[in-house]
């Protein structure tokens, strides 16, 4: 029930993407539900193809599913992939076989990471990635952004980047 048609294996066949977008949906943790915990993650390439998408079992217990904005229910996370496993898969894909300490801005194999609020998403995923190949996007209307799907958020992000 946890995956509901979600790709929890990397779509790597013929994937030579140099630019990858990341987006997360957050649920609440802690006594008042204000602590952000990543519960769904999606990676897309520059052609808007979904590379990786899965529900994530957060590191801490969920106290607020924020269903109105996330659409996430408790049963979606019951058999979800553990957070550390998700982080590892994403980091391996982004580094593309290059050691993280060796990543440089030009000439390397590592992929450029784009997205909205990447510092927050990376922190919630407990994921380390060099700032020299991160391109964060800033959105003017956050309220409108929260009302569209995670896939459409990534598509908008990639289109904005390609227009620069």
N, C-alpha and C. Protein backbone atom coordinates (compact mmCIF):
# COMPACT_ATOMS: atom_id res chain seq x y z
N UNK A 1 0.82 -1.20 0.00
CA UNK A 1 0.00 0.00 0.00
C UNK A 1 0.85 1.26 0.00
N UNK A 2 2.06 1.19 0.52
CA UNK A 2 2.87 2.39 0.69
C UNK A 2 3.31 3.00 -0.63
N UNK A 3 3.50 2.20 -1.66
CA UNK A 3 4.06 2.77 -2.87
C UNK A 3 3.03 3.30 -3.85
N UNK A 4 1.86 2.69 -3.93
CA UNK A 4 0.77 3.21 -4.74
C UNK A 4 1.21 3.72 -6.10
N UNK A 5 1.95 2.92 -6.83
CA UNK A 5 2.39 3.32 -8.16
C UNK A 5 3.60 4.23 -8.17
N UNK A 6 4.31 4.30 -7.08
CA UNK A 6 5.46 5.19 -7.00
C UNK A 6 6.72 4.42 -7.35
N UNK A 7 7.62 5.08 -8.08
CA UNK A 7 8.87 4.45 -8.50
C UNK A 7 9.86 4.50 -7.35
N UNK A 8 10.05 3.38 -6.66
CA UNK A 8 11.03 3.41 -5.59
C UNK A 8 12.35 2.76 -6.01
N UNK A 9 12.50 2.52 -7.29
CA UNK A 9 13.78 2.13 -7.86
C UNK A 9 14.20 3.23 -8.82
N UNK A 10 15.48 3.52 -8.85
CA UNK A 10 15.97 4.55 -9.76
C UNK A 10 15.73 4.14 -11.20
N UNK A 11 15.29 5.06 -12.01
CA UNK A 11 15.11 4.85 -13.44
C UNK A 11 16.41 5.27 -14.13
N UNK A 12 17.36 4.36 -14.16
CA UNK A 12 18.70 4.70 -14.61
C UNK A 12 18.99 4.36 -16.07
N UNK A 13 18.14 3.53 -16.67
CA UNK A 13 18.43 3.13 -18.03
C UNK A 13 18.47 4.34 -18.95
N UNK A 14 19.56 4.49 -19.66
CA UNK A 14 19.78 5.61 -20.59
C UNK A 14 19.65 6.97 -19.92
N UNK A 15 19.89 7.06 -18.64
CA UNK A 15 19.77 8.33 -17.95
C UNK A 15 21.13 8.99 -17.85
N UNK A 16 21.35 9.93 -18.74
CA UNK A 16 22.61 10.67 -18.76
C UNK A 16 22.40 12.11 -18.31
N UNK A 17 21.36 12.33 -17.53
CA UNK A 17 21.00 13.67 -17.09
C UNK A 17 22.14 14.32 -16.32
N UNK A 18 22.41 15.56 -16.67
CA UNK A 18 23.41 16.34 -15.96
C UNK A 18 22.75 17.23 -14.91
N UNK A 19 21.46 17.53 -15.12
CA UNK A 19 20.70 18.37 -14.19
C UNK A 19 19.54 17.55 -13.64
N UNK A 20 19.39 17.57 -12.32
CA UNK A 20 18.35 16.81 -11.64
C UNK A 20 17.63 17.73 -10.66
N UNK A 21 16.30 17.66 -10.64
CA UNK A 21 15.51 18.45 -9.70
C UNK A 21 15.04 17.56 -8.56
N UNK A 22 15.03 18.12 -7.36
CA UNK A 22 14.61 17.42 -6.15
C UNK A 22 13.49 18.19 -5.48
N UNK A 23 12.46 17.48 -5.04
CA UNK A 23 11.38 18.10 -4.25
C UNK A 23 10.94 17.10 -3.19
N UNK A 24 10.57 17.63 -2.03
CA UNK A 24 10.10 16.81 -0.92
C UNK A 24 8.76 17.35 -0.42
N UNK A 25 7.95 16.44 0.11
CA UNK A 25 6.74 16.81 0.84
C UNK A 25 7.01 16.52 2.30
N UNK A 26 6.68 17.48 3.16
CA UNK A 26 6.98 17.37 4.58
C UNK A 26 5.73 17.11 5.40
N UNK A 27 5.88 16.24 6.39
CA UNK A 27 4.86 16.04 7.42
C UNK A 27 5.44 16.58 8.72
N UNK A 28 4.61 16.64 9.76
CA UNK A 28 5.05 17.22 11.02
C UNK A 28 5.44 16.18 12.06
N UNK A 29 6.47 16.50 12.81
CA UNK A 29 6.91 15.65 13.90
C UNK A 29 7.06 16.49 15.16
N UNK A 30 7.42 15.87 16.24
CA UNK A 30 7.55 16.58 17.51
C UNK A 30 6.20 16.68 18.22
N UNK A 31 6.21 17.19 19.43
CA UNK A 31 4.99 17.23 20.24
C UNK A 31 3.89 18.09 19.63
N UNK A 32 4.25 19.16 18.93
CA UNK A 32 3.24 20.02 18.33
C UNK A 32 3.14 19.89 16.81
N UNK A 33 3.89 18.97 16.22
CA UNK A 33 3.83 18.73 14.77
C UNK A 33 4.51 19.79 13.93
N UNK A 34 5.32 20.64 14.54
CA UNK A 34 5.96 21.73 13.80
C UNK A 34 7.33 21.36 13.22
N UNK A 35 7.88 20.22 13.60
CA UNK A 35 9.17 19.78 13.08
C UNK A 35 8.95 19.13 11.71
N UNK A 36 9.61 19.65 10.68
CA UNK A 36 9.45 19.11 9.32
C UNK A 36 10.19 17.79 9.17
N UNK A 37 9.46 16.79 8.66
CA UNK A 37 10.02 15.47 8.38
C UNK A 37 9.67 15.13 6.93
N UNK A 38 10.66 14.71 6.16
CA UNK A 38 10.41 14.36 4.76
C UNK A 38 9.61 13.05 4.70
N UNK A 39 8.48 13.08 3.97
CA UNK A 39 7.63 11.90 3.86
C UNK A 39 7.48 11.44 2.41
N UNK A 40 7.83 12.29 1.46
CA UNK A 40 7.77 11.90 0.06
C UNK A 40 8.86 12.67 -0.67
N UNK A 41 9.54 12.00 -1.58
CA UNK A 41 10.62 12.62 -2.31
C UNK A 41 10.49 12.28 -3.79
N UNK A 42 10.89 13.21 -4.64
CA UNK A 42 10.82 13.00 -6.08
C UNK A 42 12.03 13.63 -6.75
N UNK A 43 12.65 12.88 -7.66
CA UNK A 43 13.75 13.37 -8.49
C UNK A 43 13.31 13.32 -9.94
N UNK A 44 13.53 14.39 -10.70
CA UNK A 44 13.23 14.37 -12.13
C UNK A 44 14.44 14.88 -12.90
N UNK A 45 14.49 14.52 -14.17
CA UNK A 45 15.58 15.01 -15.02
C UNK A 45 15.13 16.27 -15.75
N UNK A 46 16.00 16.82 -16.60
CA UNK A 46 15.69 18.07 -17.29
C UNK A 46 14.59 17.92 -18.34
N UNK A 47 14.20 16.69 -18.66
CA UNK A 47 13.12 16.44 -19.61
C UNK A 47 11.82 16.11 -18.89
N UNK A 48 11.79 16.37 -17.58
CA UNK A 48 10.63 16.14 -16.72
C UNK A 48 10.27 14.67 -16.56
N UNK A 49 11.22 13.78 -16.80
CA UNK A 49 11.01 12.36 -16.56
C UNK A 49 11.30 12.07 -15.08
N UNK A 50 10.42 11.31 -14.46
CA UNK A 50 10.63 10.95 -13.06
C UNK A 50 11.72 9.89 -12.98
N UNK A 51 12.76 10.20 -12.23
CA UNK A 51 13.87 9.27 -12.04
C UNK A 51 13.63 8.42 -10.81
N UNK A 52 13.18 9.06 -9.75
CA UNK A 52 12.99 8.38 -8.47
C UNK A 52 11.88 9.08 -7.70
N UNK A 53 10.97 8.30 -7.17
CA UNK A 53 9.87 8.85 -6.39
C UNK A 53 9.42 7.80 -5.38
N UNK A 54 9.35 8.17 -4.13
CA UNK A 54 8.93 7.22 -3.12
C UNK A 54 8.42 7.94 -1.88
N UNK A 55 7.65 7.21 -1.09
CA UNK A 55 7.32 7.69 0.25
C UNK A 55 8.50 7.34 1.14
N UNK A 56 8.71 8.16 2.16
CA UNK A 56 9.85 8.00 3.05
C UNK A 56 9.35 7.79 4.47
N UNK A 57 9.89 6.78 5.14
CA UNK A 57 9.58 6.59 6.56
C UNK A 57 10.47 7.56 7.33
N UNK A 58 9.88 8.58 7.94
CA UNK A 58 10.68 9.61 8.61
C UNK A 58 11.52 9.04 9.76
N UNK A 59 12.56 9.79 10.13
CA UNK A 59 13.47 9.39 11.19
C UNK A 59 12.78 9.41 12.56
N UNK A 60 11.76 10.28 12.71
CA UNK A 60 11.03 10.43 13.96
C UNK A 60 9.55 10.11 13.75
N UNK A 61 8.80 9.83 14.81
CA UNK A 61 7.36 9.58 14.66
C UNK A 61 6.62 10.81 14.12
N UNK A 62 5.63 10.57 13.25
CA UNK A 62 4.84 11.64 12.66
C UNK A 62 3.67 11.98 13.59
N UNK A 63 3.50 13.26 13.90
CA UNK A 63 2.40 13.70 14.75
C UNK A 63 1.38 14.54 13.98
N UNK A 64 1.74 15.00 12.78
CA UNK A 64 0.82 15.79 11.96
C UNK A 64 1.10 15.46 10.49
N UNK A 65 0.16 14.82 9.83
CA UNK A 65 0.36 14.42 8.43
C UNK A 65 0.14 15.56 7.44
N UNK A 66 -0.40 16.67 7.89
CA UNK A 66 -0.64 17.85 7.04
C UNK A 66 -1.36 17.45 5.75
N UNK A 67 -2.35 16.60 5.89
CA UNK A 67 -3.04 16.01 4.75
C UNK A 67 -3.56 17.05 3.75
N UNK A 68 -4.02 18.18 4.24
CA UNK A 68 -4.59 19.21 3.37
C UNK A 68 -3.59 19.69 2.32
N UNK A 69 -2.32 19.74 2.66
CA UNK A 69 -1.31 20.22 1.71
C UNK A 69 -0.45 19.10 1.12
N UNK A 70 -0.30 17.99 1.86
CA UNK A 70 0.59 16.93 1.37
C UNK A 70 -0.16 15.79 0.69
N UNK A 71 -1.39 15.54 1.10
CA UNK A 71 -2.13 14.39 0.59
C UNK A 71 -1.62 13.07 1.14
N UNK A 72 -0.77 13.13 2.14
CA UNK A 72 -0.15 11.92 2.71
C UNK A 72 -0.97 11.43 3.89
N UNK A 73 -1.21 10.12 3.90
CA UNK A 73 -1.96 9.46 4.97
C UNK A 73 -1.04 8.48 5.69
N UNK A 74 -1.40 8.10 6.92
CA UNK A 74 -0.56 7.18 7.70
C UNK A 74 -0.27 5.87 6.96
N UNK A 75 -1.25 5.33 6.24
CA UNK A 75 -1.04 4.05 5.55
C UNK A 75 0.00 4.15 4.43
N UNK A 76 0.22 5.35 3.89
CA UNK A 76 1.23 5.52 2.84
C UNK A 76 2.64 5.35 3.39
N UNK A 77 2.83 5.66 4.65
CA UNK A 77 4.17 5.60 5.25
C UNK A 77 4.43 4.30 6.00
N UNK A 78 3.39 3.48 6.16
CA UNK A 78 3.53 2.24 6.94
C UNK A 78 4.65 1.35 6.40
N UNK A 79 4.68 1.11 5.10
CA UNK A 79 5.72 0.26 4.49
C UNK A 79 6.69 1.07 3.65
N UNK A 80 6.82 2.35 3.95
CA UNK A 80 7.67 3.23 3.15
C UNK A 80 9.16 2.89 3.34
N UNK A 81 9.95 3.35 2.39
CA UNK A 81 11.40 3.14 2.43
C UNK A 81 12.00 3.97 3.58
N UNK A 82 12.90 3.39 4.37
CA UNK A 82 13.52 4.14 5.47
C UNK A 82 14.29 5.36 4.96
N UNK A 83 14.27 6.42 5.76
CA UNK A 83 14.90 7.68 5.38
C UNK A 83 16.37 7.55 5.02
N UNK A 84 17.11 6.78 5.77
CA UNK A 84 18.56 6.62 5.49
C UNK A 84 18.80 5.94 4.14
N UNK A 85 17.96 4.98 3.81
CA UNK A 85 18.08 4.29 2.53
C UNK A 85 17.77 5.25 1.37
N UNK A 86 16.74 6.06 1.53
CA UNK A 86 16.38 7.05 0.51
C UNK A 86 17.53 8.03 0.31
N UNK A 87 18.07 8.55 1.41
CA UNK A 87 19.18 9.50 1.34
C UNK A 87 20.37 8.91 0.61
N UNK A 88 20.68 7.67 0.92
CA UNK A 88 21.83 7.00 0.30
C UNK A 88 21.62 6.83 -1.21
N UNK A 89 20.41 6.40 -1.61
CA UNK A 89 20.11 6.22 -3.03
C UNK A 89 20.23 7.54 -3.79
N UNK A 90 19.68 8.59 -3.20
CA UNK A 90 19.72 9.90 -3.86
C UNK A 90 21.16 10.39 -3.97
N UNK A 91 21.91 10.27 -2.88
CA UNK A 91 23.30 10.74 -2.90
C UNK A 91 24.13 9.95 -3.92
N UNK A 92 23.96 8.65 -3.98
CA UNK A 92 24.70 7.84 -4.96
C UNK A 92 24.36 8.26 -6.38
N UNK A 93 23.07 8.52 -6.63
CA UNK A 93 22.66 8.94 -7.97
C UNK A 93 23.24 10.31 -8.33
N UNK A 94 23.17 11.25 -7.39
CA UNK A 94 23.67 12.60 -7.66
C UNK A 94 25.18 12.61 -7.88
N UNK A 95 25.91 11.85 -7.08
CA UNK A 95 27.37 11.82 -7.21
C UNK A 95 27.81 11.09 -8.47
N UNK A 96 26.98 10.20 -8.99
CA UNK A 96 27.24 9.51 -10.26
C UNK A 96 28.60 8.81 -10.27
N UNK A 97 28.91 8.13 -9.19
CA UNK A 97 30.15 7.37 -9.12
C UNK A 97 31.36 8.17 -8.69
N UNK A 98 31.21 9.45 -8.47
CA UNK A 98 32.32 10.30 -8.06
C UNK A 98 32.31 10.45 -6.54
N UNK A 99 33.46 10.30 -5.89
CA UNK A 99 33.48 10.50 -4.43
C UNK A 99 33.06 11.92 -4.08
N UNK A 100 32.29 12.08 -3.02
CA UNK A 100 31.74 13.39 -2.68
C UNK A 100 32.82 14.43 -2.40
N UNK A 101 33.95 14.01 -1.86
CA UNK A 101 35.03 14.94 -1.56
C UNK A 101 35.76 15.39 -2.82
N UNK A 102 35.54 14.70 -3.94
CA UNK A 102 36.24 15.00 -5.18
C UNK A 102 35.38 15.81 -6.17
N UNK A 103 34.14 16.07 -5.80
CA UNK A 103 33.22 16.77 -6.71
C UNK A 103 33.67 18.20 -6.92
N UNK A 104 33.64 18.63 -8.18
CA UNK A 104 34.00 20.00 -8.55
C UNK A 104 32.92 20.56 -9.46
N UNK A 105 32.92 21.86 -9.65
CA UNK A 105 31.84 22.50 -10.40
C UNK A 105 31.89 22.22 -11.90
N UNK A 106 33.06 21.99 -12.45
CA UNK A 106 33.16 21.73 -13.89
C UNK A 106 34.00 20.50 -14.15
N UNK A 107 33.58 19.75 -15.15
CA UNK A 107 34.37 18.62 -15.60
C UNK A 107 34.16 17.31 -14.86
N UNK A 108 33.37 17.31 -13.83
CA UNK A 108 33.13 16.09 -13.08
C UNK A 108 31.90 15.35 -13.57
N UNK A 109 31.67 14.18 -12.97
CA UNK A 109 30.50 13.37 -13.35
C UNK A 109 29.27 13.68 -12.50
N UNK A 110 29.45 14.35 -11.37
CA UNK A 110 28.33 14.62 -10.47
C UNK A 110 27.29 15.50 -11.15
N UNK A 111 26.04 15.30 -10.76
CA UNK A 111 24.93 16.02 -11.38
C UNK A 111 24.64 17.33 -10.65
N UNK A 112 24.18 18.33 -11.40
CA UNK A 112 23.75 19.60 -10.84
C UNK A 112 22.37 19.39 -10.23
N UNK A 113 22.19 19.87 -9.02
CA UNK A 113 20.93 19.70 -8.30
C UNK A 113 20.18 21.02 -8.27
N UNK A 114 18.92 21.00 -8.70
CA UNK A 114 18.08 22.21 -8.68
C UNK A 114 16.81 21.92 -7.88
N UNK A 115 16.20 22.98 -7.40
CA UNK A 115 14.95 22.82 -6.68
C UNK A 115 14.64 24.03 -5.82
N UNK A 116 13.48 24.01 -5.23
CA UNK A 116 13.04 25.08 -4.34
C UNK A 116 13.31 24.67 -2.90
N UNK A 117 13.96 25.52 -2.13
CA UNK A 117 14.22 25.22 -0.72
C UNK A 117 15.12 24.02 -0.54
N UNK A 118 16.13 23.88 -1.39
CA UNK A 118 16.99 22.70 -1.34
C UNK A 118 17.73 22.56 -0.02
N UNK A 119 18.15 23.66 0.57
CA UNK A 119 18.86 23.56 1.85
C UNK A 119 17.97 22.89 2.90
N UNK A 120 16.70 23.23 2.91
CA UNK A 120 15.75 22.63 3.86
C UNK A 120 15.51 21.15 3.52
N UNK A 121 15.30 20.85 2.23
CA UNK A 121 15.07 19.46 1.83
C UNK A 121 16.27 18.57 2.14
N UNK A 122 17.47 19.06 1.83
CA UNK A 122 18.68 18.28 2.09
C UNK A 122 18.87 18.05 3.59
N UNK A 123 18.57 19.07 4.37
CA UNK A 123 18.69 18.94 5.83
C UNK A 123 17.70 17.90 6.35
N UNK A 124 16.46 17.95 5.87
CA UNK A 124 15.44 16.99 6.32
C UNK A 124 15.76 15.56 5.89
N UNK A 125 16.44 15.41 4.76
CA UNK A 125 16.85 14.09 4.30
C UNK A 125 18.18 13.65 4.91
N UNK A 126 18.81 14.55 5.66
CA UNK A 126 20.14 14.31 6.22
C UNK A 126 21.10 13.93 5.10
N UNK A 127 21.08 14.73 4.04
CA UNK A 127 21.85 14.47 2.83
C UNK A 127 22.91 15.55 2.66
N UNK A 128 24.13 15.15 2.43
CA UNK A 128 25.23 16.08 2.20
C UNK A 128 25.51 16.15 0.71
N UNK A 129 25.57 17.37 0.17
CA UNK A 129 25.89 17.54 -1.25
C UNK A 129 26.60 18.89 -1.39
N UNK A 130 27.68 18.95 -2.16
CA UNK A 130 28.47 20.19 -2.27
C UNK A 130 27.67 21.36 -2.83
N UNK A 131 27.78 22.49 -2.17
CA UNK A 131 27.04 23.70 -2.57
C UNK A 131 27.46 24.21 -3.95
N UNK A 132 28.64 23.84 -4.41
CA UNK A 132 29.11 24.37 -5.71
C UNK A 132 28.31 23.84 -6.89
N UNK A 133 27.56 22.76 -6.72
CA UNK A 133 26.74 22.27 -7.83
C UNK A 133 25.25 22.20 -7.47
N UNK A 134 24.85 23.07 -6.55
CA UNK A 134 23.43 23.21 -6.21
C UNK A 134 22.94 24.54 -6.76
N UNK A 135 21.80 24.49 -7.42
CA UNK A 135 21.17 25.70 -7.95
C UNK A 135 19.78 25.79 -7.34
N UNK A 136 19.62 26.60 -6.31
CA UNK A 136 18.32 26.73 -5.64
C UNK A 136 17.48 27.76 -6.37
N UNK A 137 16.20 27.45 -6.48
CA UNK A 137 15.26 28.35 -7.14
C UNK A 137 14.41 29.03 -6.08
N UNK A 138 14.11 30.30 -6.29
CA UNK A 138 13.26 31.05 -5.38
C UNK A 138 11.94 31.31 -6.08
N UNK A 139 10.85 31.01 -5.39
CA UNK A 139 9.51 31.20 -5.95
C UNK A 139 8.88 32.44 -5.36
N UNK A 140 8.16 33.18 -6.17
CA UNK A 140 7.50 34.41 -5.72
C UNK A 140 6.27 34.09 -4.87
N UNK A 141 5.45 33.16 -5.29
CA UNK A 141 4.21 32.87 -4.58
C UNK A 141 4.25 31.47 -3.97
N UNK A 142 4.62 31.38 -2.72
CA UNK A 142 4.71 30.10 -2.04
C UNK A 142 3.32 29.47 -1.90
N UNK A 143 2.28 30.26 -1.64
CA UNK A 143 0.95 29.69 -1.45
C UNK A 143 0.48 28.98 -2.71
N UNK A 144 0.76 29.52 -3.88
CA UNK A 144 0.38 28.86 -5.13
C UNK A 144 1.22 27.61 -5.34
N UNK A 145 2.48 27.66 -4.98
CA UNK A 145 3.37 26.52 -5.17
C UNK A 145 2.92 25.33 -4.33
N UNK A 146 2.44 25.58 -3.12
CA UNK A 146 2.01 24.49 -2.25
C UNK A 146 0.75 23.79 -2.76
N UNK A 147 0.01 24.46 -3.67
CA UNK A 147 -1.24 23.89 -4.16
C UNK A 147 -1.06 23.02 -5.40
N UNK A 148 0.14 22.98 -5.96
CA UNK A 148 0.35 22.16 -7.14
C UNK A 148 1.14 20.91 -6.77
N UNK A 149 1.07 19.90 -7.63
CA UNK A 149 1.70 18.63 -7.32
C UNK A 149 3.22 18.74 -7.28
N UNK A 150 3.82 17.78 -6.63
CA UNK A 150 5.28 17.75 -6.51
C UNK A 150 5.94 17.64 -7.89
N UNK A 151 5.33 16.88 -8.81
CA UNK A 151 5.89 16.73 -10.15
C UNK A 151 5.83 18.06 -10.90
N UNK A 152 4.72 18.80 -10.77
CA UNK A 152 4.60 20.09 -11.45
C UNK A 152 5.54 21.13 -10.85
N UNK A 153 5.81 21.05 -9.55
CA UNK A 153 6.78 21.94 -8.93
C UNK A 153 8.15 21.74 -9.58
N UNK A 154 8.52 20.48 -9.77
CA UNK A 154 9.81 20.18 -10.37
C UNK A 154 9.86 20.65 -11.82
N UNK A 155 8.77 20.46 -12.56
CA UNK A 155 8.72 20.90 -13.95
C UNK A 155 8.90 22.41 -14.04
N UNK A 156 8.22 23.15 -13.17
CA UNK A 156 8.37 24.61 -13.16
C UNK A 156 9.80 25.02 -12.84
N UNK A 157 10.39 24.31 -11.89
CA UNK A 157 11.77 24.60 -11.49
C UNK A 157 12.73 24.39 -12.65
N UNK A 158 12.58 23.27 -13.35
CA UNK A 158 13.46 22.98 -14.48
C UNK A 158 13.27 23.97 -15.61
N UNK A 159 12.02 24.33 -15.90
CA UNK A 159 11.75 25.31 -16.96
C UNK A 159 12.39 26.66 -16.61
N UNK A 160 12.29 27.06 -15.36
CA UNK A 160 12.89 28.33 -14.92
C UNK A 160 14.40 28.29 -15.09
N UNK A 161 15.01 27.18 -14.73
CA UNK A 161 16.46 27.05 -14.85
C UNK A 161 16.91 27.10 -16.30
N UNK A 162 16.17 26.41 -17.17
CA UNK A 162 16.56 26.37 -18.58
C UNK A 162 16.37 27.71 -19.27
N UNK A 163 15.53 28.59 -18.74
CA UNK A 163 15.33 29.90 -19.32
C UNK A 163 16.39 30.90 -18.92
N UNK A 164 17.17 30.58 -17.87
CA UNK A 164 18.20 31.52 -17.40
C UNK A 164 19.33 31.66 -18.39
